[in-house]
Amino acid sequence: MNKLLLYLLFACLAGSTLSAQDAAHLFHSMPDAMLLPIDSMQRVKLTDAYNEEKSAQLINSLNDTTRLLSLSDQYLLLQMGNATIEMGLLPMINDSKVVCLIKTVCAPVCDSRLEFYTVEWKKLDSKLFINPVTDRWFLKDEVDPDDAGFGSIAAVVSIPLMQYNLNPDDFSLSQTYTSPQLLSTENRGKSENYFKDEPRKYTWNKIKFE
């Protein structure tokens, strides 16, 4: 990240420092277009129920169940049918905050979108905060991509699906390559010879994930 982009980013976020709020308030203020099945009043009901240790769930406008699974000052996890939304309020080096939002859909294999926002929900360029690895990173070092045995598996996993998860304790991030889960039972066993079984881990350094 060059110095100019860093300066502009911090200048943008610094103006948000005083208005930075906790995860519940950010959830309430999230634009409706980002959470179409539930409106702002329903979001308040969910957080109130969670804080009162009641069942934090409701039927949304799609006639599906929405559940608030986890909530703290800096983190939120919401489930809506086969989709989840993770939100982390990440600390920056200038005492401001940036919102990390992970939208995951499992149908049946999980795939995520990773997004970043100011606390006023202005979208930021994700490349400023992370350079995620590609599917090639998950190949074991000794694998030859031109190997005939690998070719039949590679054809199935040609569309790279990735799942991201945020650790609410230290804001570390994991990236899991989920495309191999599309393989048949037989080929899934074979794929263990080609793909790493651990996710890519990232650490938040108050500037970006590394």
C-alpha atoms as a PDB file:
ATOM      1  CA  MET A   1       0.000   0.000   0.000  1.00  0.00           C
ATOM      2  CA  ASN A   2       1.616   3.251  -1.006  1.00  0.00           C
ATOM      3  CA  LYS A   3       1.909   6.254   1.320  1.00  0.00           C
ATOM      4  CA  LEU A   4      -0.685   8.331  -0.512  1.00  0.00           C
ATOM      5  CA  LEU A   5      -3.348   5.643  -0.218  1.00  0.00           C
ATOM      6  CA  LEU A   6      -2.492   5.195   3.457  1.00  0.00           C
ATOM      7  CA  TYR A   7      -2.829   8.925   4.098  1.00  0.00           C
ATOM      8  CA  LEU A   8      -6.174   9.148   2.291  1.00  0.00           C
ATOM      9  CA  LEU A   9      -7.490   6.091   4.092  1.00  0.00           C
ATOM     10  CA  PHE A  10      -6.546   7.335   7.542  1.00  0.00           C
ATOM     11  CA  ALA A  11      -7.928  10.780   6.748  1.00  0.00           C
ATOM     12  CA  CYS A  12     -11.220   9.172   5.760  1.00  0.00           C
ATOM     13  CA  LEU A  13     -11.368   6.994   8.853  1.00  0.00           C
ATOM     14  CA  ALA A  14     -10.179   9.678  11.252  1.00  0.00           C
ATOM     15  CA  GLY A  15     -13.344  11.632  10.565  1.00  0.00           C
ATOM     16  CA  SER A  16     -15.280   8.591  11.674  1.00  0.00           C
ATOM     17  CA  THR A  17     -13.438   8.128  14.972  1.00  0.00           C
ATOM     18  CA  LEU A  18     -15.820  10.088  17.146  1.00  0.00           C
ATOM     19  CA  SER A  19     -18.883   8.468  15.608  1.00  0.00           C
ATOM     20  CA  ALA A  20     -17.532   4.904  15.869  1.00  0.00           C
ATOM     21  CA  GLN A  21     -20.055   2.754  17.683  1.00  0.00           C
ATOM     22  CA  ASP A  22     -20.330  -0.808  18.864  1.00  0.00           C
ATOM     23  CA  ALA A  23     -21.388  -3.728  16.672  1.00  0.00           C
ATOM     24  CA  ALA A  24     -25.030  -3.568  17.743  1.00  0.00           C
ATOM     25  CA  HIS A  25     -25.439   0.080  16.709  1.00  0.00           C
ATOM     26  CA  LEU A  26     -23.649  -0.542  13.419  1.00  0.00           C
ATOM     27  CA  PHE A  27     -25.994  -3.466  12.812  1.00  0.00           C
ATOM     28  CA  HIS A  28     -28.975  -1.196  13.448  1.00  0.00           C
ATOM     29  CA  SER A  29     -27.647   1.467  11.057  1.00  0.00           C
ATOM     30  CA  MET A  30     -26.680  -0.923   8.268  1.00  0.00           C
ATOM     31  CA  PRO A  31     -28.358   0.158   4.993  1.00  0.00           C
ATOM     32  CA  ASP A  32     -31.537  -1.801   4.311  1.00  0.00           C
ATOM     33  CA  ALA A  33     -30.236  -2.844   0.888  1.00  0.00           C
ATOM     34  CA  MET A  34     -27.515  -4.871   2.626  1.00  0.00           C
ATOM     35  CA  LEU A  35     -30.025  -6.811   4.742  1.00  0.00           C
ATOM     36  CA  LEU A  36     -33.154  -7.013   2.629  1.00  0.00           C
ATOM     37  CA  PRO A  37     -34.990  -9.735   4.615  1.00  0.00           C
ATOM     38  CA  ILE A  38     -34.939  -7.757   7.900  1.00  0.00           C
ATOM     39  CA  ASP A  39     -35.546  -4.060   8.529  1.00  0.00           C
ATOM     40  CA  SER A  40     -33.954  -1.806  11.151  1.00  0.00           C
ATOM     41  CA  MET A  41     -36.712  -2.387  13.737  1.00  0.00           C
ATOM     42  CA  GLN A  42     -36.257  -6.150  13.459  1.00  0.00           C
ATOM     43  CA  ARG A  43     -32.518  -5.717  13.966  1.00  0.00           C
ATOM     44  CA  VAL A  44     -33.158  -3.796  17.188  1.00  0.00           C
ATOM     45  CA  LYS A  45     -35.491  -6.582  18.359  1.00  0.00           C
ATOM     46  CA  LEU A  46     -32.803  -9.186  17.702  1.00  0.00           C
ATOM     47  CA  THR A  47     -30.088  -7.355  19.652  1.00  0.00           C
ATOM     48  CA  ASP A  48     -32.484  -6.556  22.520  1.00  0.00           C
ATOM     49  CA  ALA A  49     -33.481 -10.214  22.754  1.00  0.00           C
ATOM     50  CA  TYR A  50     -29.836 -11.329  22.670  1.00  0.00           C
ATOM     51  CA  ASN A  51     -28.843  -8.884  25.418  1.00  0.00           C
ATOM     52  CA  GLU A  52     -31.784 -10.060  27.528  1.00  0.00           C
ATOM     53  CA  GLU A  53     -30.616 -13.665  26.988  1.00  0.00           C
ATOM     54  CA  LYS A  54     -33.822 -14.528  25.173  1.00  0.00           C
ATOM     55  CA  SER A  55     -34.203 -16.413  21.898  1.00  0.00           C
ATOM     56  CA  ALA A  56     -32.751 -13.942  19.393  1.00  0.00           C
ATOM     57  CA  GLN A  57     -34.587 -15.095  16.287  1.00  0.00           C
ATOM     58  CA  LEU A  58     -37.475 -14.050  14.073  1.00  0.00           C
ATOM     59  CA  ILE A  59     -39.185 -14.868  10.780  1.00  0.00           C
ATOM     60  CA  ASN A  60     -37.934 -12.525   8.075  1.00  0.00           C
ATOM     61  CA  SER A  61     -39.694 -11.196   4.970  1.00  0.00           C
ATOM     62  CA  LEU A  62     -38.608 -14.279   2.989  1.00  0.00           C
ATOM     63  CA  ASN A  63     -40.492 -16.450   5.485  1.00  0.00           C
ATOM     64  CA  ASP A  64     -37.199 -17.838   6.734  1.00  0.00           C
ATOM     65  CA  THR A  65     -35.643 -17.749  10.193  1.00  0.00           C
ATOM     66  CA  THR A  66     -33.034 -15.146  11.083  1.00  0.00           C
ATOM     67  CA  ARG A  67     -30.908 -15.845  14.176  1.00  0.00           C
ATOM     68  CA  LEU A  68     -28.438 -13.634  16.003  1.00  0.00           C
ATOM     69  CA  LEU A  69     -25.831 -16.179  17.102  1.00  0.00           C
ATOM     70  CA  SER A  70     -23.150 -13.980  18.652  1.00  0.00           C
ATOM     71  CA  LEU A  71     -22.843 -10.341  19.708  1.00  0.00           C
ATOM     72  CA  SER A  72     -20.176  -8.324  21.506  1.00  0.00           C
ATOM     73  CA  ASP A  73     -19.014  -4.707  21.344  1.00  0.00           C
ATOM     74  CA  GLN A  74     -16.766  -5.498  18.370  1.00  0.00           C
ATOM     75  CA  TYR A  75     -18.312  -8.566  16.725  1.00  0.00           C
ATOM     76  CA  LEU A  76     -21.608  -9.925  15.386  1.00  0.00           C
ATOM     77  CA  LEU A  77     -22.641 -13.206  13.762  1.00  0.00           C
ATOM     78  CA  LEU A  78     -26.048 -13.490  12.064  1.00  0.00           C
ATOM     79  CA  GLN A  79     -27.597 -16.499  10.343  1.00  0.00           C
ATOM     80  CA  MET A  80     -30.340 -16.230   7.713  1.00  0.00           C
ATOM     81  CA  GLY A  81     -31.311 -19.619   6.263  1.00  0.00           C
ATOM     82  CA  ASN A  82     -28.226 -21.011   4.507  1.00  0.00           C
ATOM     83  CA  ALA A  83     -26.384 -17.678   4.731  1.00  0.00           C
ATOM     84  CA  THR A  84     -24.369 -15.998   7.488  1.00  0.00           C
ATOM     85  CA  ILE A  85     -23.098 -12.474   8.045  1.00  0.00           C
ATOM     86  CA  GLU A  86     -20.037 -11.828  10.198  1.00  0.00           C
ATOM     87  CA  MET A  87     -19.173  -8.302  11.208  1.00  0.00           C
ATOM     88  CA  GLY A  88     -16.004  -7.235  12.996  1.00  0.00           C
ATOM     89  CA  LEU A  89     -15.148  -3.701  14.087  1.00  0.00           C
ATOM     90  CA  LEU A  90     -11.385  -3.660  13.513  1.00  0.00           C
ATOM     91  CA  PRO A  91      -9.098  -1.214  15.375  1.00  0.00           C
ATOM     92  CA  MET A  92      -6.773   0.940  13.258  1.00  0.00           C
ATOM     93  CA  ILE A  93      -3.438   2.480  14.286  1.00  0.00           C
ATOM     94  CA  ASN A  94      -4.965   5.980  14.485  1.00  0.00           C
ATOM     95  CA  ASP A  95      -7.641   4.857  16.994  1.00  0.00           C
ATOM     96  CA  SER A  96     -10.309   4.775  14.304  1.00  0.00           C
ATOM     97  CA  LYS A  97     -12.251   1.676  13.247  1.00  0.00           C
ATOM     98  CA  VAL A  98     -12.948  -0.149  10.022  1.00  0.00           C
ATOM     99  CA  VAL A  99     -15.810  -2.576   9.511  1.00  0.00           C
ATOM    100  CA  CYS A 100     -14.981  -6.021   8.139  1.00  0.00           C
ATOM    101  CA  LEU A 101     -18.076  -7.721   6.729  1.00  0.00           C
ATOM    102  CA  ILE A 102     -18.162 -11.361   5.609  1.00  0.00           C
ATOM    103  CA  LYS A 103     -21.206 -12.635   3.721  1.00  0.00           C
ATOM    104  CA  THR A 104     -21.236 -16.420   3.314  1.00  0.00           C
ATOM    105  CA  VAL A 105     -23.723 -18.613   1.459  1.00  0.00           C
ATOM    106  CA  CYS A 106     -23.625 -22.422   1.737  1.00  0.00           C
ATOM    107  CA  ALA A 107     -25.510 -24.052  -1.122  1.00  0.00           C
ATOM    108  CA  PRO A 108     -24.292 -26.630  -0.201  1.00  0.00           C
ATOM    109  CA  VAL A 109     -20.597 -25.647  -0.435  1.00  0.00           C
ATOM    110  CA  CYS A 110     -19.776 -22.418   1.367  1.00  0.00           C
ATOM    111  CA  ASP A 111     -18.539 -19.347  -0.505  1.00  0.00           C
ATOM    112  CA  SER A 112     -17.853 -15.928   1.014  1.00  0.00           C
ATOM    113  CA  ARG A 113     -17.630 -12.272   0.006  1.00  0.00           C
ATOM    114  CA  LEU A 114     -15.248 -10.135   2.032  1.00  0.00           C
ATOM    115  CA  GLU A 115     -16.018  -6.401   2.250  1.00  0.00           C
ATOM    116  CA  PHE A 116     -14.771  -3.378   4.206  1.00  0.00           C
ATOM    117  CA  TYR A 117     -16.616  -0.200   5.254  1.00  0.00           C
ATOM    118  CA  THR A 118     -16.274   2.923   7.350  1.00  0.00           C
ATOM    119  CA  VAL A 119     -18.521   3.111  10.411  1.00  0.00           C
ATOM    120  CA  GLU A 120     -20.836   5.289   8.276  1.00  0.00           C
ATOM    121  CA  TRP A 121     -21.148   2.333   5.879  1.00  0.00           C
ATOM    122  CA  LYS A 122     -19.122   3.881   3.084  1.00  0.00           C
ATOM    123  CA  LYS A 123     -17.595   1.034   1.109  1.00  0.00           C
ATOM    124  CA  LEU A 124     -13.796   0.801   0.965  1.00  0.00           C
ATOM    125  CA  ASP A 125     -11.526  -0.971  -1.485  1.00  0.00           C
ATOM    126  CA  SER A 126     -10.843  -4.430  -0.026  1.00  0.00           C
ATOM    127  CA  LYS A 127      -7.403  -4.466  -1.693  1.00  0.00           C
ATOM    128  CA  LEU A 128      -6.309  -1.873   0.865  1.00  0.00           C
ATOM    129  CA  PHE A 129      -6.817  -4.397   3.647  1.00  0.00           C
ATOM    130  CA  ILE A 130      -6.039  -7.842   2.246  1.00  0.00           C
ATOM    131  CA  ASN A 131      -4.427  -9.643  -0.669  1.00  0.00           C
ATOM    132  CA  PRO A 132      -6.105 -13.047  -0.470  1.00  0.00           C
ATOM    133  CA  VAL A 133      -4.306 -16.066  -1.851  1.00  0.00           C
ATOM    134  CA  THR A 134      -5.613 -17.879  -4.917  1.00  0.00           C
ATOM    135  CA  ASP A 135      -6.558 -21.535  -5.146  1.00  0.00           C
ATOM    136  CA  ARG A 136      -2.963 -22.345  -6.177  1.00  0.00           C
ATOM    137  CA  TRP A 137      -1.831 -21.598  -2.613  1.00  0.00           C
ATOM    138  CA  PHE A 138      -3.823 -24.602  -1.392  1.00  0.00           C
ATOM    139  CA  LEU A 139      -1.951 -27.052  -3.626  1.00  0.00           C
ATOM    140  CA  LYS A 140       0.671 -29.063  -1.800  1.00  0.00           C
ATOM    141  CA  ASP A 141       4.205 -28.072  -2.746  1.00  0.00           C
ATOM    142  CA  GLU A 142       5.022 -31.402  -4.377  1.00  0.00           C
ATOM    143  CA  VAL A 143       1.937 -31.467  -6.639  1.00  0.00           C
ATOM    144  CA  ASP A 144       2.465 -31.298 -10.398  1.00  0.00           C
ATOM    145  CA  PRO A 145      -0.561 -29.473 -11.920  1.00  0.00           C
ATOM    146  CA  ASP A 146       0.058 -31.379 -15.170  1.00  0.00           C
ATOM    147  CA  ASP A 147      -0.244 -34.772 -13.477  1.00  0.00           C
ATOM    148  CA  ALA A 148      -2.967 -36.882 -15.164  1.00  0.00           C
ATOM    149  CA  GLY A 149      -4.491 -37.907 -11.822  1.00  0.00           C
ATOM    150  CA  PHE A 150      -4.814 -34.313 -10.766  1.00  0.00           C
ATOM    151  CA  GLY A 151      -6.398 -33.316 -14.068  1.00  0.00           C
ATOM    152  CA  SER A 152      -9.735 -35.040 -13.388  1.00  0.00           C
ATOM    153  CA  ILE A 153      -9.983 -33.363  -9.993  1.00  0.00           C
ATOM    154  CA  ALA A 154      -8.895 -29.946 -11.267  1.00  0.00           C
ATOM    155  CA  ALA A 155     -11.762 -29.956 -13.776  1.00  0.00           C
ATOM    156  CA  VAL A 156     -14.317 -30.160 -10.951  1.00  0.00           C
ATOM    157  CA  VAL A 157     -12.683 -27.485  -8.782  1.00  0.00           C
ATOM    158  CA  SER A 158     -12.008 -25.069 -11.645  1.00  0.00           C
ATOM    159  CA  ILE A 159     -14.241 -22.455  -9.998  1.00  0.00           C
ATOM    160  CA  PRO A 160     -12.425 -21.449  -6.781  1.00  0.00           C
ATOM    161  CA  LEU A 161     -14.836 -21.173  -3.841  1.00  0.00           C
ATOM    162  CA  MET A 162     -13.472 -19.635  -0.643  1.00  0.00           C
ATOM    163  CA  GLN A 163     -14.907 -19.357   2.844  1.00  0.00           C
ATOM    164  CA  TYR A 164     -13.700 -16.653   5.235  1.00  0.00           C
ATOM    165  CA  ASN A 165     -14.120 -16.662   9.016  1.00  0.00           C
ATOM    166  CA  LEU A 166     -13.197 -13.974  11.519  1.00  0.00           C
ATOM    167  CA  ASN A 167     -11.947 -14.829  15.006  1.00  0.00           C
ATOM    168  CA  PRO A 168     -13.801 -12.493  17.407  1.00  0.00           C
ATOM    169  CA  ASP A 169     -11.055 -12.731  20.052  1.00  0.00           C
ATOM    170  CA  ASP A 170      -8.051 -11.436  18.096  1.00  0.00           C
ATOM    171  CA  PHE A 171      -9.590 -10.581  14.660  1.00  0.00           C
ATOM    172  CA  SER A 172      -7.411 -13.117  12.893  1.00  0.00           C
ATOM    173  CA  LEU A 173      -8.922 -14.253   9.596  1.00  0.00           C
ATOM    174  CA  SER A 174      -9.010 -17.707   8.009  1.00  0.00           C
ATOM    175  CA  GLN A 175      -9.488 -18.448   4.314  1.00  0.00           C
ATOM    176  CA  THR A 176     -10.622 -21.995   3.481  1.00  0.00           C
ATOM    177  CA  TYR A 177     -10.659 -23.447  -0.026  1.00  0.00           C
ATOM    178  CA  THR A 178     -14.057 -25.168  -0.227  1.00  0.00           C
ATOM    179  CA  SER A 179     -14.180 -26.215  -3.908  1.00  0.00           C
ATOM    180  CA  PRO A 180     -12.840 -29.745  -3.128  1.00  0.00           C
ATOM    181  CA  GLN A 181     -16.063 -30.346  -1.189  1.00  0.00           C
ATOM    182  CA  LEU A 182     -17.813 -30.463  -4.581  1.00  0.00           C
ATOM    183  CA  LEU A 183     -15.966 -33.678  -5.443  1.00  0.00           C
ATOM    184  CA  SER A 184     -17.495 -37.134  -5.241  1.00  0.00           C
ATOM    185  CA  THR A 185     -16.717 -39.181  -2.138  1.00  0.00           C
ATOM    186  CA  GLU A 186     -14.109 -41.159  -4.055  1.00  0.00           C
ATOM    187  CA  ASN A 187     -12.377 -38.136  -5.553  1.00  0.00           C
ATOM    188  CA  ARG A 188     -12.565 -36.228  -2.291  1.00  0.00           C
ATOM    189  CA  GLY A 189     -10.374 -38.898  -0.754  1.00  0.00           C
ATOM    190  CA  LYS A 190      -7.929 -38.595  -3.649  1.00  0.00           C
ATOM    191  CA  SER A 191      -7.885 -34.816  -3.338  1.00  0.00           C
ATOM    192  CA  GLU A 192      -6.129 -35.137   0.023  1.00  0.00           C
ATOM    193  CA  ASN A 193      -3.020 -36.040  -1.972  1.00  0.00           C
ATOM    194  CA  TYR A 194      -3.145 -32.686  -3.761  1.00  0.00           C
ATOM    195  CA  PHE A 195      -4.606 -30.042  -1.457  1.00  0.00           C
ATOM    196  CA  LYS A 196      -3.500 -28.704   1.910  1.00  0.00           C
ATOM    197  CA  ASP A 197      -6.009 -29.427   4.642  1.00  0.00           C
ATOM    198  CA  GLU A 198      -5.379 -26.236   6.603  1.00  0.00           C
ATOM    199  CA  PRO A 199      -6.780 -22.781   5.855  1.00  0.00           C
ATOM    200  CA  ARG A 200      -4.677 -19.711   5.084  1.00  0.00           C
ATOM    201  CA  LYS A 201      -4.401 -17.641   8.268  1.00  0.00           C
ATOM    202  CA  TYR A 202      -4.116 -13.850   8.366  1.00  0.00           C
ATOM    203  CA  THR A 203      -3.234 -11.561  11.277  1.00  0.00           C
ATOM    204  CA  TRP A 204      -4.730  -8.073  11.645  1.00  0.00           C
ATOM    205  CA  ASN A 205      -1.894  -5.554  12.275  1.00  0.00           C
ATOM    206  CA  LYS A 206      -4.140  -2.491  12.646  1.00  0.00           C
ATOM    207  CA  ILE A 207      -3.508  -1.580   9.012  1.00  0.00           C
ATOM    208  CA  LYS A 208      -4.317  -4.711   7.024  1.00  0.00           C
ATOM    209  CA  PHE A 209      -4.478  -8.503   7.161  1.00  0.00           C
ATOM    210  CA  GLU A 210      -1.098 -10.175   6.617  1.00  0.00           C
END
